Protein backbone atom coordinates (compact mmCIF):
# COMPACT_ATOMS: atom_id res chain seq x y z
CA MET A 1 -8.66 -13.43 14.52
CA THR A 2 -9.01 -16.79 12.80
CA LEU A 3 -10.95 -19.46 14.64
CA ILE A 4 -9.39 -22.31 12.68
CA THR A 5 -7.42 -22.52 9.47
CA PRO A 6 -7.90 -25.19 6.81
CA THR A 7 -4.53 -26.73 7.74
CA GLU A 8 -5.37 -26.80 11.45
CA CYS A 9 -8.70 -28.41 10.64
CA LYS A 10 -7.10 -31.11 8.54
CA ASN A 11 -4.30 -31.79 11.03
CA ASN A 12 -6.66 -31.95 14.01
CA ARG A 13 -9.11 -34.13 12.15
CA HIS A 14 -6.37 -36.59 11.17
CA ARG A 15 -4.92 -36.61 14.69
CA ILE A 16 -8.34 -37.43 16.17
CA GLY A 17 -9.12 -39.92 13.41
CA VAL A 18 -12.33 -38.39 12.08
CA SER A 19 -13.49 -38.34 8.48
CA GLN A 20 -14.51 -35.17 6.68
CA THR A 21 -18.04 -36.55 6.37
CA ALA A 22 -18.32 -37.24 10.10
CA LEU A 23 -17.05 -33.75 10.90
CA CYS A 24 -19.58 -32.22 8.51
CA GLU A 25 -22.36 -34.28 10.07
CA LEU A 26 -21.54 -33.25 13.62
CA ALA A 27 -20.95 -29.61 12.67
CA GLY A 28 -24.27 -29.48 10.82
CA LEU A 29 -22.68 -28.63 7.49
CA ARG A 30 -23.16 -29.96 3.96
CA SER A 31 -21.33 -33.22 3.34
CA ASN A 32 -18.57 -31.67 1.22
CA TYR A 33 -18.02 -28.44 3.19
CA VAL A 34 -14.97 -29.64 5.15
CA CYS A 35 -13.41 -31.03 1.96
CA ARG A 36 -13.80 -27.65 0.28
CA PHE A 37 -12.64 -25.78 3.41
CA GLU A 38 -9.53 -27.91 3.87
CA GLY A 39 -8.76 -27.53 0.18
CA SER A 40 -8.91 -23.74 0.58
CA LYS A 41 -11.74 -23.54 -1.96
CA ILE A 42 -13.87 -21.44 0.38
CA CYS A 43 -12.47 -17.91 0.30
CA GLU A 44 -14.39 -16.38 3.19
CA PRO A 45 -16.00 -18.99 5.45
CA SER A 46 -18.54 -17.55 7.86
CA GLY A 47 -17.64 -17.22 11.51
CA LYS A 48 -20.65 -19.36 12.40
CA LYS A 49 -19.39 -22.24 10.26
CA LEU A 50 -15.86 -21.93 11.64
CA VAL A 51 -17.24 -22.07 15.18
CA SER A 52 -19.26 -25.15 14.22
CA ILE A 53 -16.16 -26.87 12.85
CA LYS A 54 -14.04 -25.94 15.84
CA ASN A 55 -16.71 -27.06 18.33
CA ALA A 56 -17.24 -30.34 16.49
CA LEU A 57 -13.51 -31.05 16.47
CA GLU A 58 -13.34 -30.30 20.19
CA ALA A 59 -16.30 -32.61 20.84
CA PHE A 60 -14.65 -35.39 18.81
CA GLU A 61 -11.41 -34.90 20.69
CA ILE A 62 -13.13 -35.18 24.08
CA ALA A 63 -15.11 -38.21 22.92
CA ARG A 64 -11.98 -39.89 21.52
CA ALA A 65 -10.10 -39.30 24.78
CA GLY A 66 -12.92 -41.03 26.65
CA ASN A 67 -12.80 -44.08 24.38
CA VAL A 68 -9.70 -44.40 22.22
CA SER A 69 -10.89 -47.50 20.38
CA ALA A 70 -14.47 -46.38 19.70
CA ALA A 71 -15.99 -47.38 16.38
CA PRO A 72 -16.97 -44.46 14.13
CA LYS A 73 -20.69 -44.60 15.01
CA GLU A 74 -19.93 -44.80 18.73
CA LEU A 75 -17.52 -41.89 18.40
CA ILE A 76 -20.12 -39.74 16.62
CA SER A 77 -22.69 -40.56 19.29
CA ALA A 78 -20.28 -39.67 22.11
CA ALA A 79 -19.20 -36.51 20.28
CA ARG A 80 -22.84 -35.39 19.95
CA LYS A 81 -23.20 -35.53 23.73
CA GLU A 82 -19.99 -33.55 24.18
CA LEU A 83 -21.11 -30.99 21.60
CA GLU A 84 -24.33 -30.41 23.57
CA LYS A 85 -22.21 -29.65 26.66
CA ILE A 86 -19.98 -27.28 24.68
CA ARG A 87 -22.97 -25.40 23.28
CA PHE A 88 -24.57 -25.17 26.72
CA ILE A 89 -21.41 -23.70 28.23
CA GLN A 90 -21.04 -21.22 25.36
CA ALA A 91 -24.66 -20.11 25.76
CA ARG A 92 -24.15 -19.57 29.50
CA LEU A 93 -20.99 -17.55 28.85
CA THR A 94 -22.79 -15.44 26.25
CA ASN A 95 -25.65 -14.76 28.65
CA GLN A 96 -23.24 -13.80 31.45
CA THR A 97 -21.34 -11.49 29.10
CA ASN A 98 -24.59 -9.80 28.06
CA VAL A 99 -25.59 -9.28 31.71
CA VAL A 100 -22.20 -7.73 32.50
CA LYS A 101 -22.47 -5.42 29.47
CA ALA A 102 -26.01 -4.41 30.42
CA ASN A 103 -24.93 -3.69 34.00
CA ALA A 104 -21.96 -1.67 32.80
CA SER A 105 -24.18 0.35 30.46
CA SER A 106 -26.68 1.02 33.26
CA THR A 107 -23.94 2.10 35.63
CA TRP A 108 -22.37 4.36 33.01
CA ALA A 109 -25.75 5.91 32.09
CA ALA A 110 -26.54 6.58 35.77
CA SER A 111 -23.32 8.50 36.36
């Protein structure tokens, strides 16, 4: 399963109106990573980096929807807040999944 393709990244980024540099900054990646990714110069990007890109794009999209005419710095600031929410939700879901797995393992072992 692919989290995001280079073409999807580029198309989404253009639709939202975010530069490659801003996306790298929010995703916590080197300044030229998105350029190389979109240019298909990265053969096997790590899942962690793809998740970072996808989450950052989602945060930008939410921030842009909240303020269509935001200046780039305002958009980055708003996207940072949205990214914190996204990460919090993902952490909660991961914890809940781990609890369910642990409970299932305990139940299975007891039978």
